[in-house]
Amino acid sequence: MARRRKPRDSEFKARVALESLKERETVNELAKRFQVHPTQVHEWKKRLQEQAAKAFEKDGTKPVETVDPAELYEQIGRLKMELEWVKKKVASFHG
């Protein structure tokens, strides 16, 4: 009979990943201690290393890029023209 997966919360995963980063125990020892597969320990450690920089971003988000207002007005104008064109095409089909 196949084993059912146990749902693990993010705090548990972080704790296992942090322990693996300390490298005081082998991955197999950690896997046995936390009752998870060694592959899972490797995956959580890798994910923690890849996403560690996000912890230091301001408000947890990337900096907002500034947009030139002239470009926005240009885009608004273009969209208004397209909308008017579509309205005319729809009117010609109904009339």
C-alpha atoms as a PDB file:
ATOM      1  CA  MET A   1       0.000   0.000   0.000  1.00  0.00           C
ATOM      2  CA  ALA A   2       1.373   3.418  -0.971  1.00  0.00           C
ATOM      3  CA  ARG A   3       2.190   5.950   1.709  1.00  0.00           C
ATOM      4  CA  ARG A   4       0.206   9.153   1.782  1.00  0.00           C
ATOM      5  CA  ARG A   5       2.070  12.431   1.635  1.00  0.00           C
ATOM      6  CA  LYS A   6       2.047  14.489   4.772  1.00  0.00           C
ATOM      7  CA  PRO A   7       1.298  18.150   4.205  1.00  0.00           C
ATOM      8  CA  ARG A   8       4.171  20.272   5.489  1.00  0.00           C
ATOM      9  CA  ASP A   9       3.772  23.933   6.381  1.00  0.00           C
ATOM     10  CA  SER A  10       6.229  26.577   5.250  1.00  0.00           C
ATOM     11  CA  GLU A  11       7.732  26.977   8.739  1.00  0.00           C
ATOM     12  CA  PHE A  12       8.654  23.293   8.842  1.00  0.00           C
ATOM     13  CA  LYS A  13      10.219  23.458   5.380  1.00  0.00           C
ATOM     14  CA  ALA A  14      12.189  26.577   6.330  1.00  0.00           C
ATOM     15  CA  ARG A  15      13.453  24.945   9.530  1.00  0.00           C
ATOM     16  CA  VAL A  16      14.659  21.867   7.627  1.00  0.00           C
ATOM     17  CA  ALA A  17      16.281  24.031   4.924  1.00  0.00           C
ATOM     18  CA  LEU A  18      18.047  26.195   7.493  1.00  0.00           C
ATOM     19  CA  GLU A  19      19.351  23.131   9.303  1.00  0.00           C
ATOM     20  CA  SER A  20      20.709  21.787   6.029  1.00  0.00           C
ATOM     21  CA  LEU A  21      22.475  25.091   5.359  1.00  0.00           C
ATOM     22  CA  LYS A  22      24.259  24.833   8.711  1.00  0.00           C
ATOM     23  CA  GLU A  23      25.800  21.559   7.493  1.00  0.00           C
ATOM     24  CA  ARG A  24      26.185  20.186  11.024  1.00  0.00           C
ATOM     25  CA  GLU A  25      24.456  16.975   9.963  1.00  0.00           C
ATOM     26  CA  THR A  26      24.338  15.103   6.693  1.00  0.00           C
ATOM     27  CA  VAL A  27      21.263  15.295   4.506  1.00  0.00           C
ATOM     28  CA  ASN A  28      20.448  11.695   5.370  1.00  0.00           C
ATOM     29  CA  GLU A  29      20.651  12.448   9.095  1.00  0.00           C
ATOM     30  CA  LEU A  30      18.374  15.466   8.689  1.00  0.00           C
ATOM     31  CA  ALA A  31      15.940  13.470   6.582  1.00  0.00           C
ATOM     32  CA  LYS A  32      15.745  10.790   9.236  1.00  0.00           C
ATOM     33  CA  ARG A  33      15.393  13.325  12.074  1.00  0.00           C
ATOM     34  CA  PHE A  34      12.599  15.262  10.335  1.00  0.00           C
ATOM     35  CA  GLN A  35      11.059  12.140   8.749  1.00  0.00           C
ATOM     36  CA  VAL A  36      11.262  13.359   5.151  1.00  0.00           C
ATOM     37  CA  HIS A  37      12.983  12.034   2.044  1.00  0.00           C
ATOM     38  CA  PRO A  38      16.571  13.267   1.470  1.00  0.00           C
ATOM     39  CA  THR A  39      15.575  14.572  -1.966  1.00  0.00           C
ATOM     40  CA  GLN A  40      13.037  16.817  -0.255  1.00  0.00           C
ATOM     41  CA  VAL A  41      15.743  18.249   1.994  1.00  0.00           C
ATOM     42  CA  HIS A  42      17.860  19.069  -1.058  1.00  0.00           C
ATOM     43  CA  GLU A  43      14.887  20.703  -2.808  1.00  0.00           C
ATOM     44  CA  TRP A  44      13.957  22.891   0.171  1.00  0.00           C
ATOM     45  CA  LYS A  45      17.593  23.915   0.680  1.00  0.00           C
ATOM     46  CA  LYS A  46      17.927  24.865  -2.991  1.00  0.00           C
ATOM     47  CA  ARG A  47      14.685  26.864  -2.905  1.00  0.00           C
ATOM     48  CA  LEU A  48      15.833  28.716   0.227  1.00  0.00           C
ATOM     49  CA  GLN A  49      19.153  29.614  -1.388  1.00  0.00           C
ATOM     50  CA  GLU A  50      17.484  30.817  -4.596  1.00  0.00           C
ATOM     51  CA  GLN A  51      14.885  32.950  -2.846  1.00  0.00           C
ATOM     52  CA  ALA A  52      16.939  34.293   0.065  1.00  0.00           C
ATOM     53  CA  ALA A  53      17.387  37.698  -1.605  1.00  0.00           C
ATOM     54  CA  LYS A  54      13.620  38.266  -1.519  1.00  0.00           C
ATOM     55  CA  ALA A  55      13.768  38.417   2.278  1.00  0.00           C
ATOM     56  CA  PHE A  56      15.747  41.649   2.031  1.00  0.00           C
ATOM     57  CA  GLU A  57      13.633  43.431  -0.561  1.00  0.00           C
ATOM     58  CA  LYS A  58      11.722  46.448   0.658  1.00  0.00           C
ATOM     59  CA  ASP A  59       8.173  45.473   1.664  1.00  0.00           C
ATOM     60  CA  GLY A  60       8.774  42.041   0.134  1.00  0.00           C
ATOM     61  CA  THR A  61       8.335  43.453  -3.362  1.00  0.00           C
ATOM     62  CA  LYS A  62      10.662  44.503  -6.099  1.00  0.00           C
ATOM     63  CA  PRO A  63      11.256  48.216  -6.594  1.00  0.00           C
ATOM     64  CA  VAL A  64       8.622  49.930  -8.691  1.00  0.00           C
ATOM     65  CA  GLU A  65       9.852  50.976 -12.099  1.00  0.00           C
ATOM     66  CA  THR A  66       9.126  54.567 -13.019  1.00  0.00           C
ATOM     67  CA  VAL A  67       7.182  55.078 -16.222  1.00  0.00           C
ATOM     68  CA  ASP A  68       7.375  58.162 -18.398  1.00  0.00           C
ATOM     69  CA  PRO A  69       3.977  59.945 -18.278  1.00  0.00           C
ATOM     70  CA  ALA A  70       4.317  60.871 -21.958  1.00  0.00           C
ATOM     71  CA  GLU A  71       4.420  57.155 -22.838  1.00  0.00           C
ATOM     72  CA  LEU A  72       1.277  56.549 -20.805  1.00  0.00           C
ATOM     73  CA  TYR A  73      -0.605  59.393 -22.506  1.00  0.00           C
ATOM     74  CA  GLU A  74       0.515  58.067 -25.880  1.00  0.00           C
ATOM     75  CA  GLN A  75      -0.776  54.610 -25.014  1.00  0.00           C
ATOM     76  CA  ILE A  76      -4.099  56.060 -23.791  1.00  0.00           C
ATOM     77  CA  GLY A  77      -4.499  57.925 -27.080  1.00  0.00           C
ATOM     78  CA  ARG A  78      -3.755  54.799 -29.093  1.00  0.00           C
ATOM     79  CA  LEU A  79      -6.266  52.772 -27.080  1.00  0.00           C
ATOM     80  CA  LYS A  80      -8.958  55.433 -27.503  1.00  0.00           C
ATOM     81  CA  MET A  81      -8.447  55.379 -31.262  1.00  0.00           C
ATOM     82  CA  GLU A  82      -8.675  51.585 -31.341  1.00  0.00           C
ATOM     83  CA  LEU A  83     -11.861  51.687 -29.258  1.00  0.00           C
ATOM     84  CA  GLU A  84     -13.483  54.176 -31.618  1.00  0.00           C
ATOM     85  CA  TRP A  85     -12.518  52.026 -34.619  1.00  0.00           C
ATOM     86  CA  VAL A  86     -14.058  48.924 -32.994  1.00  0.00           C
ATOM     87  CA  LYS A  87     -17.250  50.851 -32.175  1.00  0.00           C
ATOM     88  CA  LYS A  88     -17.569  51.934 -35.825  1.00  0.00           C
ATOM     89  CA  LYS A  89     -17.032  48.363 -37.071  1.00  0.00           C
ATOM     90  CA  VAL A  90     -19.647  46.991 -34.683  1.00  0.00           C
ATOM     91  CA  ALA A  91     -22.122  49.722 -35.695  1.00  0.00           C
ATOM     92  CA  SER A  92     -21.629  48.893 -39.386  1.00  0.00           C
ATOM     93  CA  PHE A  93     -22.539  45.228 -38.755  1.00  0.00           C
ATOM     94  CA  HIS A  94     -25.741  46.158 -36.870  1.00  0.00           C
ATOM     95  CA  GLY A  95     -26.898  48.967 -39.151  1.00  0.00           C
END
